[in-house]
Each structure stands twice: as structure tokens, then as C-alpha cells.
Amino acid sequence: MSASQATVTLSLSGDNQKALGEFVAARREQGIFDLSQMQRTSAIRDYFADPAFVPSWWLDRGGEASVKMPKVGELQEFMNTLNNYPRIVDTPIEYQVLDLLRAFIEEFPEQHQKHALLTLLSNGFDRAGAHALARRAESLASDESPDNGTRPVP
């Protein structure tokens, strides 16, 4: 008894290939838009849920806002409402991973600890064959890189 093999190839017409390409491009655009909207919404909620930010936001409004400051109880109620509002549960995995990484890095107060984490991340990327990502992680950990997002220590 011998093993048999078969190959089947399906192809789409030119119009169908074009329609599929347009559909995939539109879906990607919608996904990027949805993700940016969720990130913006989450950032706004987190901003206003922090007691330190609400008064500064109120004062930045200018005009009569500084004279008509809400009472502490009103601010607390407002912040509690935002803080207790149910979170969006359909957050894409990429956004969840970003939140996880941010929270993990925030656990380390010293800059040299963060640099060590970035070095480990860079080594992991390198071993996985993602050399461009490894170089970007190394750049973030570098004190000499002008575009690494850090400020020089006075």
C-alpha cells in the first residue's frame, strides 16, 4: 500500500482579489481606529479618576471655572463614578500586553533597574530573531541615544 498525495490550488479572480485586498485594508484601518479610540478613552478615564488631575483640569478651563470650583464631595463623587465605570473587556491583546509591561516597569523605581529590564528584553528579542526590535530596546536603554525619551539627569 503506498501513500497518496494531492494538491489543490484555489485562486480568486482579479476582481475578487481586489475586493479582498480592499476589505483587508479597510479592516486594518478600522482596527487601528478602534484601538486608538479605546486607548484615548481609557487615558481620559484614568486621567479624571486620579484626584490630583481633576482640580488642575478644572483650573485650566480658565474664566469663571477657578471661581466656581466644585466642592470636594462633588469631585470625589465624579472621580468615583469614573473609576468604578466598567472597563471595556474586548481590549485587544496588544493593548493588554502594553498595560502589563507598563505596570511591570513601573514596579522598578530606579532608572538603572529599568535599563536592566530593557537589556533583558533586548536579549530576548535577539534570541527570537527579532534583531530590529532588539536594537530598538537597546536604544531605549542607552543614555547616549538622544531619541530614547529620557531626560538628562542634572
C-alpha atoms as a PDB file:
ATOM      1  CA  MET A   1       0.000   0.000   0.000  1.00  0.00           C
ATOM      2  CA  SER A   2       1.512   3.346  -1.000  1.00  0.00           C
ATOM      3  CA  ALA A   3       0.712   6.782   0.399  1.00  0.00           C
ATOM      4  CA  SER A   4      -1.035   9.175  -1.955  1.00  0.00           C
ATOM      5  CA  GLN A   5      -0.642  12.906  -2.031  1.00  0.00           C
ATOM      6  CA  ALA A   6      -2.802  15.506  -3.640  1.00  0.00           C
ATOM      7  CA  THR A   7      -2.511  19.220  -4.018  1.00  0.00           C
ATOM      8  CA  VAL A   8      -5.396  21.600  -4.524  1.00  0.00           C
ATOM      9  CA  THR A   9      -4.879  25.204  -5.518  1.00  0.00           C
ATOM     10  CA  LEU A  10      -7.686  27.733  -5.389  1.00  0.00           C
ATOM     11  CA  SER A  11      -7.401  31.178  -6.830  1.00  0.00           C
ATOM     12  CA  LEU A  12      -9.629  34.214  -6.953  1.00  0.00           C
ATOM     13  CA  SER A  13     -10.497  36.226  -9.998  1.00  0.00           C
ATOM     14  CA  GLY A  14      -8.813  39.625 -10.344  1.00  0.00           C
ATOM     15  CA  ASP A  15     -11.960  41.429  -9.167  1.00  0.00           C
ATOM     16  CA  ASN A  16     -12.305  39.161  -6.145  1.00  0.00           C
ATOM     17  CA  GLN A  17      -8.621  39.550  -5.267  1.00  0.00           C
ATOM     18  CA  LYS A  18      -9.007  43.332  -5.456  1.00  0.00           C
ATOM     19  CA  ALA A  19     -12.177  43.224  -3.324  1.00  0.00           C
ATOM     20  CA  LEU A  20     -10.453  41.008  -0.754  1.00  0.00           C
ATOM     21  CA  GLY A  21      -7.464  43.367  -0.622  1.00  0.00           C
ATOM     22  CA  GLU A  22      -9.759  46.358  -0.116  1.00  0.00           C
ATOM     23  CA  PHE A  23     -11.663  44.509   2.597  1.00  0.00           C
ATOM     24  CA  VAL A  24      -8.482  43.571   4.474  1.00  0.00           C
ATOM     25  CA  ALA A  25      -7.153  47.146   4.197  1.00  0.00           C
ATOM     26  CA  ALA A  26     -10.450  48.593   5.477  1.00  0.00           C
ATOM     27  CA  ARG A  27     -10.500  46.105   8.355  1.00  0.00           C
ATOM     28  CA  ARG A  28      -6.946  47.068   9.336  1.00  0.00           C
ATOM     29  CA  GLU A  29      -7.842  50.765   9.231  1.00  0.00           C
ATOM     30  CA  GLN A  30     -10.925  50.149  11.370  1.00  0.00           C
ATOM     31  CA  GLY A  31      -8.874  48.106  13.852  1.00  0.00           C
ATOM     32  CA  ILE A  32      -6.283  50.864  14.180  1.00  0.00           C
ATOM     33  CA  PHE A  33      -9.017  53.473  14.632  1.00  0.00           C
ATOM     34  CA  ASP A  34     -10.835  51.345  17.230  1.00  0.00           C
ATOM     35  CA  LEU A  35      -7.626  50.719  19.172  1.00  0.00           C
ATOM     36  CA  SER A  36      -6.677  54.399  19.213  1.00  0.00           C
ATOM     37  CA  GLN A  37     -10.197  55.341  20.374  1.00  0.00           C
ATOM     38  CA  MET A  38     -10.073  52.774  23.196  1.00  0.00           C
ATOM     39  CA  GLN A  39      -6.632  53.981  24.265  1.00  0.00           C
ATOM     40  CA  ARG A  40      -7.789  57.611  24.233  1.00  0.00           C
ATOM     41  CA  THR A  41     -10.948  56.796  26.181  1.00  0.00           C
ATOM     42  CA  SER A  42      -9.026  54.759  28.728  1.00  0.00           C
ATOM     43  CA  ALA A  43      -6.438  57.519  29.149  1.00  0.00           C
ATOM     44  CA  ILE A  44      -9.150  60.140  29.684  1.00  0.00           C
ATOM     45  CA  ARG A  45     -10.894  57.983  32.277  1.00  0.00           C
ATOM     46  CA  ASP A  46      -7.618  57.253  34.085  1.00  0.00           C
ATOM     47  CA  TYR A  47      -6.758  60.955  33.981  1.00  0.00           C
ATOM     48  CA  PHE A  48     -10.023  62.061  35.550  1.00  0.00           C
ATOM     49  CA  ALA A  49     -10.108  59.180  38.029  1.00  0.00           C
ATOM     50  CA  ASP A  50      -6.916  60.476  39.648  1.00  0.00           C
ATOM     51  CA  PRO A  51      -7.768  63.054  42.349  1.00  0.00           C
ATOM     52  CA  ALA A  52      -4.646  65.072  41.550  1.00  0.00           C
ATOM     53  CA  PHE A  53      -5.656  65.718  37.932  1.00  0.00           C
ATOM     54  CA  VAL A  54      -9.261  66.851  38.278  1.00  0.00           C
ATOM     55  CA  PRO A  55      -8.536  70.169  40.049  1.00  0.00           C
ATOM     56  CA  SER A  56      -5.753  71.008  37.577  1.00  0.00           C
ATOM     57  CA  TRP A  57      -8.105  70.275  34.669  1.00  0.00           C
ATOM     58  CA  TRP A  58     -10.781  72.433  36.267  1.00  0.00           C
ATOM     59  CA  LEU A  59      -8.368  75.335  36.785  1.00  0.00           C
ATOM     60  CA  ASP A  60      -7.057  75.037  33.201  1.00  0.00           C
ATOM     61  CA  ARG A  61     -10.536  75.784  31.902  1.00  0.00           C
ATOM     62  CA  GLY A  62      -9.954  79.436  32.811  1.00  0.00           C
ATOM     63  CA  GLY A  63     -12.567  82.131  33.136  1.00  0.00           C
ATOM     64  CA  GLU A  64     -15.083  81.583  35.913  1.00  0.00           C
ATOM     65  CA  ALA A  65     -14.030  77.972  36.439  1.00  0.00           C
ATOM     66  CA  SER A  66     -11.423  78.930  39.032  1.00  0.00           C
ATOM     67  CA  VAL A  67     -14.019  80.900  40.982  1.00  0.00           C
ATOM     68  CA  LYS A  68     -16.682  78.193  40.773  1.00  0.00           C
ATOM     69  CA  MET A  69     -14.602  75.228  41.901  1.00  0.00           C
ATOM     70  CA  PRO A  70     -16.740  72.198  42.739  1.00  0.00           C
ATOM     71  CA  LYS A  71     -16.900  71.076  46.351  1.00  0.00           C
ATOM     72  CA  VAL A  72     -14.632  68.238  47.485  1.00  0.00           C
ATOM     73  CA  GLY A  73     -17.600  65.873  47.758  1.00  0.00           C
ATOM     74  CA  GLU A  74     -18.686  66.638  44.191  1.00  0.00           C
ATOM     75  CA  LEU A  75     -15.178  65.996  42.884  1.00  0.00           C
ATOM     76  CA  GLN A  76     -14.937  62.768  44.866  1.00  0.00           C
ATOM     77  CA  GLU A  77     -18.309  61.585  43.531  1.00  0.00           C
ATOM     78  CA  PHE A  78     -17.268  62.425  39.975  1.00  0.00           C
ATOM     79  CA  MET A  79     -13.935  60.591  40.337  1.00  0.00           C
ATOM     80  CA  ASN A  80     -15.575  57.558  41.946  1.00  0.00           C
ATOM     81  CA  THR A  81     -18.113  57.366  39.134  1.00  0.00           C
ATOM     82  CA  LEU A  82     -15.361  57.344  36.510  1.00  0.00           C
ATOM     83  CA  ASN A  83     -13.162  54.976  38.471  1.00  0.00           C
ATOM     84  CA  ASN A  84     -15.977  52.467  39.039  1.00  0.00           C
ATOM     85  CA  TYR A  85     -17.287  52.590  35.492  1.00  0.00           C
ATOM     86  CA  PRO A  86     -16.950  49.099  33.968  1.00  0.00           C
ATOM     87  CA  ARG A  87     -13.832  48.579  31.906  1.00  0.00           C
ATOM     88  CA  ILE A  88     -14.053  47.565  28.263  1.00  0.00           C
ATOM     89  CA  VAL A  89     -13.492  43.810  28.207  1.00  0.00           C
ATOM     90  CA  ASP A  90     -12.826  43.390  24.500  1.00  0.00           C
ATOM     91  CA  THR A  91      -9.440  45.083  24.678  1.00  0.00           C
ATOM     92  CA  PRO A  92      -7.070  43.698  22.024  1.00  0.00           C
ATOM     93  CA  ILE A  93      -4.249  41.514  23.332  1.00  0.00           C
ATOM     94  CA  GLU A  94      -1.645  44.047  22.158  1.00  0.00           C
ATOM     95  CA  TYR A  95      -3.161  46.732  24.390  1.00  0.00           C
ATOM     96  CA  GLN A  96      -3.342  44.319  27.338  1.00  0.00           C
ATOM     97  CA  VAL A  97       0.331  43.428  26.877  1.00  0.00           C
ATOM     98  CA  LEU A  98       1.260  47.136  26.767  1.00  0.00           C
ATOM     99  CA  ASP A  99      -0.605  47.741  30.025  1.00  0.00           C
ATOM    100  CA  LEU A 100       1.098  44.721  31.579  1.00  0.00           C
ATOM    101  CA  LEU A 101       4.563  45.877  30.500  1.00  0.00           C
ATOM    102  CA  ARG A 102       3.943  49.428  31.718  1.00  0.00           C
ATOM    103  CA  ALA A 103       2.758  48.173  35.104  1.00  0.00           C
ATOM    104  CA  PHE A 104       5.761  45.840  35.385  1.00  0.00           C
ATOM    105  CA  ILE A 105       8.285  48.534  34.513  1.00  0.00           C
ATOM    106  CA  GLU A 106       6.631  50.969  36.956  1.00  0.00           C
ATOM    107  CA  GLU A 107       7.367  48.457  39.743  1.00  0.00           C
ATOM    108  CA  PHE A 108      11.053  49.383  39.483  1.00  0.00           C
ATOM    109  CA  PRO A 109      11.712  52.900  40.796  1.00  0.00           C
ATOM    110  CA  GLU A 110      15.366  53.232  39.765  1.00  0.00           C
ATOM    111  CA  GLN A 111      16.371  54.077  36.202  1.00  0.00           C
ATOM    112  CA  HIS A 112      19.195  51.508  36.210  1.00  0.00           C
ATOM    113  CA  GLN A 113      16.638  48.798  37.044  1.00  0.00           C
ATOM    114  CA  LYS A 114      14.552  49.825  34.047  1.00  0.00           C
ATOM    115  CA  HIS A 115      17.679  49.741  31.876  1.00  0.00           C
ATOM    116  CA  ALA A 116      18.399  46.201  33.083  1.00  0.00           C
ATOM    117  CA  LEU A 117      14.851  45.150  32.114  1.00  0.00           C
ATOM    118  CA  LEU A 118      15.271  46.690  28.671  1.00  0.00           C
ATOM    119  CA  THR A 119      18.576  44.859  28.247  1.00  0.00           C
ATOM    120  CA  LEU A 120      16.871  41.570  29.119  1.00  0.00           C
ATOM    121  CA  LEU A 121      14.075  42.372  26.689  1.00  0.00           C
ATOM    122  CA  SER A 122      16.618  43.210  24.010  1.00  0.00           C
ATOM    123  CA  ASN A 123      18.420  39.900  24.559  1.00  0.00           C
ATOM    124  CA  GLY A 124      15.109  38.041  24.312  1.00  0.00           C
ATOM    125  CA  PHE A 125      14.260  39.767  21.035  1.00  0.00           C
ATOM    126  CA  ASP A 126      17.727  38.973  19.710  1.00  0.00           C
ATOM    127  CA  ARG A 127      17.421  35.273  20.573  1.00  0.00           C
ATOM    128  CA  ALA A 128      13.974  35.165  18.948  1.00  0.00           C
ATOM    129  CA  GLY A 129      15.472  36.544  15.731  1.00  0.00           C
ATOM    130  CA  ALA A 130      13.782  39.949  16.054  1.00  0.00           C
ATOM    131  CA  HIS A 131      17.026  41.873  15.658  1.00  0.00           C
ATOM    132  CA  ALA A 132      15.390  45.193  14.728  1.00  0.00           C
ATOM    133  CA  LEU A 133      13.293  45.089  17.913  1.00  0.00           C
ATOM    134  CA  ALA A 134      16.410  44.179  19.904  1.00  0.00           C
ATOM    135  CA  ARG A 135      18.192  47.272  18.563  1.00  0.00           C
ATOM    136  CA  ARG A 136      15.192  49.461  19.446  1.00  0.00           C
ATOM    137  CA  ALA A 137      15.115  48.085  23.001  1.00  0.00           C
ATOM    138  CA  GLU A 138      18.876  48.699  23.297  1.00  0.00           C
ATOM    139  CA  SER A 139      18.310  52.273  22.102  1.00  0.00           C
ATOM    140  CA  LEU A 140      15.753  52.839  24.852  1.00  0.00           C
ATOM    141  CA  ALA A 141      18.233  51.623  27.452  1.00  0.00           C
ATOM    142  CA  SER A 142      21.052  53.787  26.132  1.00  0.00           C
ATOM    143  CA  ASP A 143      21.883  57.027  27.928  1.00  0.00           C
ATOM    144  CA  GLU A 144      23.645  58.270  24.805  1.00  0.00           C
ATOM    145  CA  SER A 145      20.675  57.968  22.471  1.00  0.00           C
ATOM    146  CA  PRO A 146      19.066  61.411  22.025  1.00  0.00           C
ATOM    147  CA  ASP A 147      15.700  59.945  20.975  1.00  0.00           C
ATOM    148  CA  ASN A 148      15.215  57.428  23.766  1.00  0.00           C
ATOM    149  CA  GLY A 149      12.601  59.541  25.539  1.00  0.00           C
ATOM    150  CA  THR A 150      14.630  60.133  28.685  1.00  0.00           C
ATOM    151  CA  ARG A 151      15.735  63.448  30.075  1.00  0.00           C
ATOM    152  CA  PRO A 152      19.319  64.069  31.086  1.00  0.00           C
ATOM    153  CA  VAL A 153      19.869  63.908  34.821  1.00  0.00           C
ATOM    154  CA  PRO A 154      21.028  67.322  36.135  1.00  0.00           C
END
